[in-house]
Amino acid sequence: MRKDEGRKGDVLNSAANVLIPAILALRAMGYDVSRRYDGGREWWKAQTEMLEFGAEDPLSLLGLVALRERRGAKWRASDAEIDAVMQEFGLNG
């Protein structure tokens, strides 16, 4: 995390220095965090009694938790949302 000139707030980028804070944030949110290796691949898990999330790194794991918290149990995008975002970002091919 660093402060850029001309900005009023902090700038965070995906990098190694955010992995530990991501784990700490997940724990502060009440998740048990664990790591294992499966077929030579690192896999992270965050879980509570009701929810379980899995990802390749702690930052992605935190992103999944944030997605679920923000959008709720109906976190999936609708066809209309998919079309709109794909058009907005030129992902239509």
PDB file of N, CA and C in Angstrom:
ATOM      1  N   MET A   1       0.854  -1.166   0.000  1.00  0.00           N
ATOM      2  CA  MET A   1       0.000   0.000   0.000  1.00  0.00           C
ATOM      3  C   MET A   1       0.900   1.230   0.000  1.00  0.00           C
ATOM      4  N   ARG A   2       0.570   2.190  -0.844  1.00  0.00           N
ATOM      5  CA  ARG A   2       1.363   3.411  -0.896  1.00  0.00           C
ATOM      6  C   ARG A   2       0.441   4.582  -1.166  1.00  0.00           C
ATOM      7  N   LYS A   3       0.943   5.743  -0.926  1.00  0.00           N
ATOM      8  CA  LYS A   3       0.170   6.944  -1.183  1.00  0.00           C
ATOM      9  C   LYS A   3       0.738   7.640  -2.410  1.00  0.00           C
ATOM     10  N   ASP A   4      -0.074   7.807  -3.445  1.00  0.00           N
ATOM     11  CA  ASP A   4       0.365   8.481  -4.669  1.00  0.00           C
ATOM     12  C   ASP A   4       0.148   9.983  -4.543  1.00  0.00           C
ATOM     13  N   GLU A   5       1.021  10.738  -5.198  1.00  0.00           N
ATOM     14  CA  GLU A   5       0.843  12.183  -5.228  1.00  0.00           C
ATOM     15  C   GLU A   5      -0.445  12.516  -5.951  1.00  0.00           C
ATOM     16  N   GLY A   6      -1.185  13.479  -5.448  1.00  0.00           N
ATOM     17  CA  GLY A   6      -2.416  13.911  -6.082  1.00  0.00           C
ATOM     18  C   GLY A   6      -3.626  13.065  -5.711  1.00  0.00           C
ATOM     19  N   ARG A   7      -3.425  12.002  -5.002  1.00  0.00           N
ATOM     20  CA  ARG A   7      -4.535  11.151  -4.561  1.00  0.00           C
ATOM     21  C   ARG A   7      -4.846  11.460  -3.103  1.00  0.00           C
ATOM     22  N   LYS A   8      -6.113  11.332  -2.773  1.00  0.00           N
ATOM     23  CA  LYS A   8      -6.515  11.577  -1.397  1.00  0.00           C
ATOM     24  C   LYS A   8      -6.467  10.319  -0.546  1.00  0.00           C
ATOM     25  N   GLY A   9      -6.448   9.147  -1.177  1.00  0.00           N
ATOM     26  CA  GLY A   9      -6.469   7.891  -0.430  1.00  0.00           C
ATOM     27  C   GLY A   9      -5.330   6.978  -0.825  1.00  0.00           C
ATOM     28  N   ASP A  10      -5.356   5.807  -0.281  1.00  0.00           N
ATOM     29  CA  ASP A  10      -4.319   4.821  -0.564  1.00  0.00           C
ATOM     30  C   ASP A  10      -4.598   4.094  -1.878  1.00  0.00           C
ATOM     31  N   VAL A  11      -3.545   3.537  -2.447  1.00  0.00           N
ATOM     32  CA  VAL A  11      -3.634   2.728  -3.656  1.00  0.00           C
ATOM     33  C   VAL A  11      -3.150   1.334  -3.288  1.00  0.00           C
ATOM     34  N   LEU A  12      -3.982   0.325  -3.517  1.00  0.00           N
ATOM     35  CA  LEU A  12      -3.597  -1.058  -3.276  1.00  0.00           C
ATOM     36  C   LEU A  12      -3.558  -1.787  -4.596  1.00  0.00           C
ATOM     37  N   ASN A  13      -2.545  -2.595  -4.781  1.00  0.00           N
ATOM     38  CA  ASN A  13      -2.417  -3.419  -5.977  1.00  0.00           C
ATOM     39  C   ASN A  13      -2.195  -4.861  -5.561  1.00  0.00           C
ATOM     40  N   SER A  14      -2.571  -5.770  -6.427  1.00  0.00           N
ATOM     41  CA  SER A  14      -2.351  -7.182  -6.164  1.00  0.00           C
ATOM     42  C   SER A  14      -0.855  -7.459  -6.194  1.00  0.00           C
ATOM     43  N   ALA A  15      -0.301  -7.798  -5.051  1.00  0.00           N
ATOM     44  CA  ALA A  15       1.132  -8.080  -4.922  1.00  0.00           C
ATOM     45  C   ALA A  15       1.341  -8.910  -3.664  1.00  0.00           C
ATOM     46  N   ALA A  16       2.544  -9.395  -3.480  1.00  0.00           N
ATOM     47  CA  ALA A  16       2.842 -10.259  -2.342  1.00  0.00           C
ATOM     48  C   ALA A  16       2.569  -9.594  -0.997  1.00  0.00           C
ATOM     49  N   ASN A  17       2.686  -8.270  -0.926  1.00  0.00           N
ATOM     50  CA  ASN A  17       2.523  -7.601   0.361  1.00  0.00           C
ATOM     51  C   ASN A  17       1.068  -7.491   0.817  1.00  0.00           C
ATOM     52  N   VAL A  18       0.112  -7.961   0.027  1.00  0.00           N
ATOM     53  CA  VAL A  18      -1.293  -7.936   0.463  1.00  0.00           C
ATOM     54  C   VAL A  18      -1.790  -9.321   0.876  1.00  0.00           C
ATOM     55  N   LEU A  19      -0.976 -10.349   0.732  1.00  0.00           N
ATOM     56  CA  LEU A  19      -1.421 -11.706   1.050  1.00  0.00           C
ATOM     57  C   LEU A  19      -1.667 -11.904   2.543  1.00  0.00           C
ATOM     58  N   ILE A  20      -0.741 -11.486   3.384  1.00  0.00           N
ATOM     59  CA  ILE A  20      -0.922 -11.610   4.829  1.00  0.00           C
ATOM     60  C   ILE A  20      -2.096 -10.751   5.297  1.00  0.00           C
ATOM     61  N   PRO A  21      -2.203  -9.484   4.875  1.00  0.00           N
ATOM     62  CA  PRO A  21      -3.381  -8.707   5.259  1.00  0.00           C
ATOM     63  C   PRO A  21      -4.704  -9.349   4.808  1.00  0.00           C
ATOM     64  N   ALA A  22      -4.690 -10.036   3.657  1.00  0.00           N
ATOM     65  CA  ALA A  22      -5.903 -10.714   3.201  1.00  0.00           C
ATOM     66  C   ALA A  22      -6.281 -11.836   4.166  1.00  0.00           C
ATOM     67  N   ILE A  23      -5.299 -12.607   4.604  1.00  0.00           N
ATOM     68  CA  ILE A  23      -5.559 -13.671   5.579  1.00  0.00           C
ATOM     69  C   ILE A  23      -6.075 -13.075   6.881  1.00  0.00           C
ATOM     70  N   LEU A  24      -5.442 -12.018   7.336  1.00  0.00           N
ATOM     71  CA  LEU A  24      -5.863 -11.371   8.579  1.00  0.00           C
ATOM     72  C   LEU A  24      -7.277 -10.818   8.466  1.00  0.00           C
ATOM     73  N   ALA A  25      -7.618 -10.253   7.307  1.00  0.00           N
ATOM     74  CA  ALA A  25      -8.966  -9.726   7.094  1.00  0.00           C
ATOM     75  C   ALA A  25      -9.995 -10.853   7.135  1.00  0.00           C
ATOM     76  N   LEU A  26      -9.682 -11.967   6.492  1.00  0.00           N
ATOM     77  CA  LEU A  26     -10.595 -13.112   6.509  1.00  0.00           C
ATOM     78  C   LEU A  26     -10.820 -13.610   7.929  1.00  0.00           C
ATOM     79  N   ARG A  27      -9.763 -13.698   8.702  1.00  0.00           N
ATOM     80  CA  ARG A  27      -9.895 -14.120  10.101  1.00  0.00           C
ATOM     81  C   ARG A  27     -10.729 -13.126  10.900  1.00  0.00           C
ATOM     82  N   ALA A  28     -10.502 -11.838  10.661  1.00  0.00           N
ATOM     83  CA  ALA A  28     -11.279 -10.808  11.363  1.00  0.00           C
ATOM     84  C   ALA A  28     -12.763 -10.870  11.002  1.00  0.00           C
ATOM     85  N   MET A  29     -13.058 -11.404   9.820  1.00  0.00           N
ATOM     86  CA  MET A  29     -14.444 -11.552   9.375  1.00  0.00           C
ATOM     87  C   MET A  29     -15.070 -12.844   9.901  1.00  0.00           C
ATOM     88  N   GLY A  30     -14.305 -13.616  10.665  1.00  0.00           N
ATOM     89  CA  GLY A  30     -14.840 -14.816  11.284  1.00  0.00           C
ATOM     90  C   GLY A  30     -14.593 -16.102  10.534  1.00  0.00           C
ATOM     91  N   TYR A  31     -13.715 -16.088   9.537  1.00  0.00           N
ATOM     92  CA  TYR A  31     -13.430 -17.280   8.750  1.00  0.00           C
ATOM     93  C   TYR A  31     -12.209 -18.015   9.295  1.00  0.00           C
ATOM     94  N   ASP A  32     -12.286 -19.343   9.279  1.00  0.00           N
ATOM     95  CA  ASP A  32     -11.111 -20.174   9.509  1.00  0.00           C
ATOM     96  C   ASP A  32     -10.400 -20.283   8.165  1.00  0.00           C
ATOM     97  N   VAL A  33      -9.111 -20.045   8.149  1.00  0.00           N
ATOM     98  CA  VAL A  33      -8.344 -20.060   6.901  1.00  0.00           C
ATOM     99  C   VAL A  33      -7.345 -21.213   6.953  1.00  0.00           C
ATOM    100  N   SER A  34      -7.282 -21.973   5.869  1.00  0.00           N
ATOM    101  CA  SER A  34      -6.327 -23.072   5.797  1.00  0.00           C
ATOM    102  C   SER A  34      -5.719 -23.144   4.404  1.00  0.00           C
ATOM    103  N   ARG A  35      -4.590 -23.852   4.319  1.00  0.00           N
ATOM    104  CA  ARG A  35      -3.883 -24.016   3.049  1.00  0.00           C
ATOM    105  C   ARG A  35      -3.485 -25.477   2.902  1.00  0.00           C
ATOM    106  N   ARG A  36      -3.590 -25.986   1.685  1.00  0.00           N
ATOM    107  CA  ARG A  36      -3.150 -27.355   1.423  1.00  0.00           C
ATOM    108  C   ARG A  36      -2.611 -27.431   0.002  1.00  0.00           C
ATOM    109  N   TYR A  37      -1.950 -28.536  -0.273  1.00  0.00           N
ATOM    110  CA  TYR A  37      -1.445 -28.788  -1.621  1.00  0.00           C
ATOM    111  C   TYR A  37      -2.201 -29.977  -2.184  1.00  0.00           C
ATOM    112  N   ASP A  38      -2.691 -29.824  -3.398  1.00  0.00           N
ATOM    113  CA  ASP A  38      -3.457 -30.866  -4.058  1.00  0.00           C
ATOM    114  C   ASP A  38      -2.872 -31.075  -5.451  1.00  0.00           C
ATOM    115  N   GLY A  39      -2.210 -32.186  -5.658  1.00  0.00           N
ATOM    116  CA  GLY A  39      -1.604 -32.451  -6.956  1.00  0.00           C
ATOM    117  C   GLY A  39      -0.550 -31.436  -7.338  1.00  0.00           C
ATOM    118  N   GLY A  40       0.208 -30.940  -6.349  1.00  0.00           N
ATOM    119  CA  GLY A  40       1.238 -29.948  -6.604  1.00  0.00           C
ATOM    120  C   GLY A  40       0.721 -28.532  -6.708  1.00  0.00           C
ATOM    121  N   ARG A  41      -0.576 -28.360  -6.504  1.00  0.00           N
ATOM    122  CA  ARG A  41      -1.194 -27.026  -6.600  1.00  0.00           C
ATOM    123  C   ARG A  41      -1.585 -26.537  -5.210  1.00  0.00           C
ATOM    124  N   GLU A  42      -1.231 -25.307  -4.908  1.00  0.00           N
ATOM    125  CA  GLU A  42      -1.608 -24.696  -3.634  1.00  0.00           C
ATOM    126  C   GLU A  42      -3.087 -24.334  -3.669  1.00  0.00           C
ATOM    127  N   TRP A  43      -3.798 -24.635  -2.594  1.00  0.00           N
ATOM    128  CA  TRP A  43      -5.223 -24.331  -2.517  1.00  0.00           C
ATOM    129  C   TRP A  43      -5.539 -23.781  -1.138  1.00  0.00           C
ATOM    130  N   TRP A  44      -6.212 -22.616  -1.107  1.00  0.00           N
ATOM    131  CA  TRP A  44      -6.581 -21.946   0.133  1.00  0.00           C
ATOM    132  C   TRP A  44      -8.073 -22.106   0.367  1.00  0.00           C
ATOM    133  N   LYS A  45      -8.449 -22.215   1.643  1.00  0.00           N
ATOM    134  CA  LYS A  45      -9.859 -22.369   1.983  1.00  0.00           C
ATOM    135  C   LYS A  45     -10.203 -21.449   3.141  1.00  0.00           C
ATOM    136  N   ALA A  46     -11.369 -20.805   3.053  1.00  0.00           N
ATOM    137  CA  ALA A  46     -11.921 -20.012   4.150  1.00  0.00           C
ATOM    138  C   ALA A  46     -13.302 -20.570   4.432  1.00  0.00           C
ATOM    139  N   GLN A  47     -13.575 -20.827   5.710  1.00  0.00           N
ATOM    140  CA  GLN A  47     -14.881 -21.387   6.001  1.00  0.00           C
ATOM    141  C   GLN A  47     -15.407 -20.962   7.360  1.00  0.00           C
ATOM    142  N   THR A  48     -16.719 -20.971   7.433  1.00  0.00           N
ATOM    143  CA  THR A  48     -17.457 -20.827   8.679  1.00  0.00           C
ATOM    144  C   THR A  48     -18.346 -22.065   8.774  1.00  0.00           C
ATOM    145  N   GLU A  49     -19.218 -22.096   9.749  1.00  0.00           N
ATOM    146  CA  GLU A  49     -20.139 -23.228   9.853  1.00  0.00           C
ATOM    147  C   GLU A  49     -21.079 -23.300   8.652  1.00  0.00           C
ATOM    148  N   MET A  50     -21.374 -22.156   8.029  1.00  0.00           N
ATOM    149  CA  MET A  50     -22.368 -22.105   6.958  1.00  0.00           C
ATOM    150  C   MET A  50     -21.795 -21.935   5.554  1.00  0.00           C
ATOM    151  N   LEU A  51     -20.587 -21.426   5.441  1.00  0.00           N
ATOM    152  CA  LEU A  51     -20.033 -21.093   4.127  1.00  0.00           C
ATOM    153  C   LEU A  51     -18.627 -21.655   3.972  1.00  0.00           C
ATOM    154  N   GLU A  52     -18.278 -21.984   2.725  1.00  0.00           N
ATOM    155  CA  GLU A  52     -16.921 -22.424   2.414  1.00  0.00           C
ATOM    156  C   GLU A  52     -16.508 -21.838   1.065  1.00  0.00           C
ATOM    157  N   PHE A  53     -15.299 -21.310   1.011  1.00  0.00           N
ATOM    158  CA  PHE A  53     -14.747 -20.712  -0.200  1.00  0.00           C
ATOM    159  C   PHE A  53     -13.385 -21.319  -0.473  1.00  0.00           C
ATOM    160  N   GLY A  54     -13.033 -21.484  -1.741  1.00  0.00           N
ATOM    161  CA  GLY A  54     -11.727 -22.009  -2.104  1.00  0.00           C
ATOM    162  C   GLY A  54     -11.121 -21.198  -3.234  1.00  0.00           C
ATOM    163  N   ALA A  55      -9.797 -21.002  -3.179  1.00  0.00           N
ATOM    164  CA  ALA A  55      -9.111 -20.214  -4.205  1.00  0.00           C
ATOM    165  C   ALA A  55      -7.623 -20.553  -4.212  1.00  0.00           C
ATOM    166  N   GLU A  56      -6.940 -20.090  -5.239  1.00  0.00           N
ATOM    167  CA  GLU A  56      -5.515 -20.364  -5.397  1.00  0.00           C
ATOM    168  C   GLU A  56      -4.620 -19.479  -4.541  1.00  0.00           C
ATOM    169  N   ASP A  57      -5.165 -18.393  -4.001  1.00  0.00           N
ATOM    170  CA  ASP A  57      -4.363 -17.515  -3.151  1.00  0.00           C
ATOM    171  C   ASP A  57      -5.282 -16.750  -2.199  1.00  0.00           C
ATOM    172  N   PRO A  58      -4.735 -16.201  -1.106  1.00  0.00           N
ATOM    173  CA  PRO A  58      -5.561 -15.514  -0.122  1.00  0.00           C
ATOM    174  C   PRO A  58      -6.306 -14.291  -0.666  1.00  0.00           C
ATOM    175  N   LEU A  59      -5.715 -13.568  -1.602  1.00  0.00           N
ATOM    176  CA  LEU A  59      -6.381 -12.389  -2.146  1.00  0.00           C
ATOM    177  C   LEU A  59      -7.613 -12.785  -2.959  1.00  0.00           C
ATOM    178  N   SER A  60      -7.491 -13.826  -3.768  1.00  0.00           N
ATOM    179  CA  SER A  60      -8.648 -14.330  -4.511  1.00  0.00           C
ATOM    180  C   SER A  60      -9.714 -14.854  -3.558  1.00  0.00           C
ATOM    181  N   LEU A  61      -9.278 -15.474  -2.488  1.00  0.00           N
ATOM    182  CA  LEU A  61     -10.200 -15.985  -1.480  1.00  0.00           C
ATOM    183  C   LEU A  61     -10.996 -14.848  -0.855  1.00  0.00           C
ATOM    184  N   LEU A  62     -10.314 -13.780  -0.507  1.00  0.00           N
ATOM    185  CA  LEU A  62     -10.984 -12.605   0.052  1.00  0.00           C
ATOM    186  C   LEU A  62     -11.958 -12.004  -0.958  1.00  0.00           C
ATOM    187  N   GLY A  63     -11.586 -12.011  -2.231  1.00  0.00           N
ATOM    188  CA  GLY A  63     -12.473 -11.514  -3.274  1.00  0.00           C
ATOM    189  C   GLY A  63     -13.752 -12.325  -3.375  1.00  0.00           C
ATOM    190  N   LEU A  64     -13.644 -13.653  -3.257  1.00  0.00           N
ATOM    191  CA  LEU A  64     -14.839 -14.503  -3.290  1.00  0.00           C
ATOM    192  C   LEU A  64     -15.745 -14.226  -2.100  1.00  0.00           C
ATOM    193  N   VAL A  65     -15.149 -14.057  -0.925  1.00  0.00           N
ATOM    194  CA  VAL A  65     -15.933 -13.742   0.268  1.00  0.00           C
ATOM    195  C   VAL A  65     -16.633 -12.392   0.091  1.00  0.00           C
ATOM    196  N   ALA A  66     -15.913 -11.404  -0.438  1.00  0.00           N
ATOM    197  CA  ALA A  66     -16.508 -10.082  -0.670  1.00  0.00           C
ATOM    198  C   ALA A  66     -17.633 -10.167  -1.694  1.00  0.00           C
ATOM    199  N   LEU A  67     -17.445 -10.961  -2.740  1.00  0.00           N
ATOM    200  CA  LEU A  67     -18.483 -11.156  -3.752  1.00  0.00           C
ATOM    201  C   LEU A  67     -19.748 -11.717  -3.115  1.00  0.00           C
ATOM    202  N   ARG A  68     -19.596 -12.748  -2.304  1.00  0.00           N
ATOM    203  CA  ARG A  68     -20.749 -13.382  -1.652  1.00  0.00           C
ATOM    204  C   ARG A  68     -21.414 -12.439  -0.661  1.00  0.00           C
ATOM    205  N   GLU A  69     -20.600 -11.684   0.085  1.00  0.00           N
ATOM    206  CA  GLU A  69     -21.174 -10.740   1.050  1.00  0.00           C
ATOM    207  C   GLU A  69     -21.915  -9.607   0.350  1.00  0.00           C
ATOM    208  N   ARG A  70     -21.403  -9.144  -0.753  1.00  0.00           N
ATOM    209  CA  ARG A  70     -22.010  -8.026  -1.474  1.00  0.00           C
ATOM    210  C   ARG A  70     -23.266  -8.442  -2.236  1.00  0.00           C
ATOM    211  N   ARG A  71     -23.214  -9.599  -2.922  1.00  0.00           N
ATOM    212  CA  ARG A  71     -24.327 -10.015  -3.785  1.00  0.00           C
ATOM    213  C   ARG A  71     -25.252 -11.030  -3.136  1.00  0.00           C
ATOM    214  N   GLY A  72     -24.838 -11.601  -2.024  1.00  0.00           N
ATOM    215  CA  GLY A  72     -25.682 -12.545  -1.309  1.00  0.00           C
ATOM    216  C   GLY A  72     -25.706 -13.922  -1.949  1.00  0.00           C
ATOM    217  N   ALA A  73     -26.689 -14.715  -1.535  1.00  0.00           N
ATOM    218  CA  ALA A  73     -26.805 -16.093  -2.013  1.00  0.00           C
ATOM    219  C   ALA A  73     -27.051 -16.145  -3.517  1.00  0.00           C
ATOM    220  N   LYS A  74     -27.585 -15.089  -4.075  1.00  0.00           N
ATOM    221  CA  LYS A  74     -27.820 -15.024  -5.527  1.00  0.00           C
ATOM    222  C   LYS A  74     -26.689 -14.232  -6.176  1.00  0.00           C
ATOM    223  N   TRP A  75     -25.459 -14.674  -5.929  1.00  0.00           N
ATOM    224  CA  TRP A  75     -24.268 -13.955  -6.391  1.00  0.00           C
ATOM    225  C   TRP A  75     -24.034 -14.059  -7.887  1.00  0.00           C
ATOM    226  N   ARG A  76     -24.613 -15.059  -8.521  1.00  0.00           N
ATOM    227  CA  ARG A  76     -24.382 -15.242  -9.958  1.00  0.00           C
ATOM    228  C   ARG A  76     -24.940 -14.058 -10.755  1.00  0.00           C
ATOM    229  N   ALA A  77     -24.269 -13.739 -11.842  1.00  0.00           N
ATOM    230  CA  ALA A  77     -24.724 -12.652 -12.719  1.00  0.00           C
ATOM    231  C   ALA A  77     -25.857 -13.144 -13.613  1.00  0.00           C
ATOM    232  N   SER A  78     -26.827 -12.279 -13.835  1.00  0.00           N
ATOM    233  CA  SER A  78     -27.916 -12.606 -14.757  1.00  0.00           C
ATOM    234  C   SER A  78     -27.401 -12.478 -16.189  1.00  0.00           C
ATOM    235  N   ASP A  79     -28.158 -13.019 -17.133  1.00  0.00           N
ATOM    236  CA  ASP A  79     -27.775 -12.890 -18.546  1.00  0.00           C
ATOM    237  C   ASP A  79     -27.650 -11.429 -18.940  1.00  0.00           C
ATOM    238  N   ALA A  80     -28.574 -10.596 -18.459  1.00  0.00           N
ATOM    239  CA  ALA A  80     -28.535  -9.160 -18.783  1.00  0.00           C
ATOM    240  C   ALA A  80     -27.276  -8.506 -18.204  1.00  0.00           C
ATOM    241  N   GLU A  81     -26.909  -8.869 -16.975  1.00  0.00           N
ATOM    242  CA  GLU A  81     -25.700  -8.307 -16.371  1.00  0.00           C
ATOM    243  C   GLU A  81     -24.457  -8.760 -17.140  1.00  0.00           C
ATOM    244  N   ILE A  82     -24.422 -10.023 -17.508  1.00  0.00           N
ATOM    245  CA  ILE A  82     -23.281 -10.541 -18.275  1.00  0.00           C
ATOM    246  C   ILE A  82     -23.144  -9.790 -19.587  1.00  0.00           C
ATOM    247  N   ASP A  83     -24.250  -9.650 -20.318  1.00  0.00           N
ATOM    248  CA  ASP A  83     -24.216  -8.945 -21.601  1.00  0.00           C
ATOM    249  C   ASP A  83     -23.745  -7.506 -21.432  1.00  0.00           C
ATOM    250  N   ALA A  84     -24.265  -6.809 -20.419  1.00  0.00           N
ATOM    251  CA  ALA A  84     -23.913  -5.399 -20.206  1.00  0.00           C
ATOM    252  C   ALA A  84     -22.428  -5.240 -19.891  1.00  0.00           C
ATOM    253  N   VAL A  85     -21.904  -6.081 -19.020  1.00  0.00           N
ATOM    254  CA  VAL A  85     -20.492  -5.963 -18.638  1.00  0.00           C
ATOM    255  C   VAL A  85     -19.587  -6.361 -19.797  1.00  0.00           C
ATOM    256  N   MET A  86     -19.962  -7.396 -20.505  1.00  0.00           N
ATOM    257  CA  MET A  86     -19.149  -7.796 -21.666  1.00  0.00           C
ATOM    258  C   MET A  86     -19.094  -6.683 -22.701  1.00  0.00           C
ATOM    259  N   GLN A  87     -20.210  -6.009 -22.922  1.00  0.00           N
ATOM    260  CA  GLN A  87     -20.228  -4.902 -23.867  1.00  0.00           C
ATOM    261  C   GLN A  87     -19.399  -3.725 -23.339  1.00  0.00           C
ATOM    262  N   GLU A  88     -19.562  -3.403 -22.056  1.00  0.00           N
ATOM    263  CA  GLU A  88     -18.852  -2.285 -21.465  1.00  0.00           C
ATOM    264  C   GLU A  88     -17.334  -2.427 -21.585  1.00  0.00           C
ATOM    265  N   PHE A  89     -16.840  -3.656 -21.396  1.00  0.00           N
ATOM    266  CA  PHE A  89     -15.398  -3.876 -21.399  1.00  0.00           C
ATOM    267  C   PHE A  89     -14.877  -4.521 -22.682  1.00  0.00           C
ATOM    268  N   GLY A  90     -15.714  -4.591 -23.709  1.00  0.00           N
ATOM    269  CA  GLY A  90     -15.286  -5.125 -24.986  1.00  0.00           C
ATOM    270  C   GLY A  90     -14.887  -6.581 -24.936  1.00  0.00           C
ATOM    271  N   LEU A  91     -15.626  -7.378 -24.178  1.00  0.00           N
ATOM    272  CA  LEU A  91     -15.303  -8.791 -24.027  1.00  0.00           C
ATOM    273  C   LEU A  91     -16.117  -9.676 -24.935  1.00  0.00           C
ATOM    274  N   ASN A  92     -16.768  -9.083 -25.910  1.00  0.00           N
ATOM    275  CA  ASN A  92     -17.657  -9.843 -26.796  1.00  0.00           C
ATOM    276  C   ASN A  92     -16.918 -10.622 -27.869  1.00  0.00           C
ATOM    277  N   GLY A  93     -15.630 -10.489 -27.927  1.00  0.00           N
ATOM    278  CA  GLY A  93     -14.886 -11.281 -28.899  1.00  0.00           C
ATOM    279  C   GLY A  93     -14.305 -10.523 -30.000  1.00  0.00           C
TER     280      GLY A  93
END
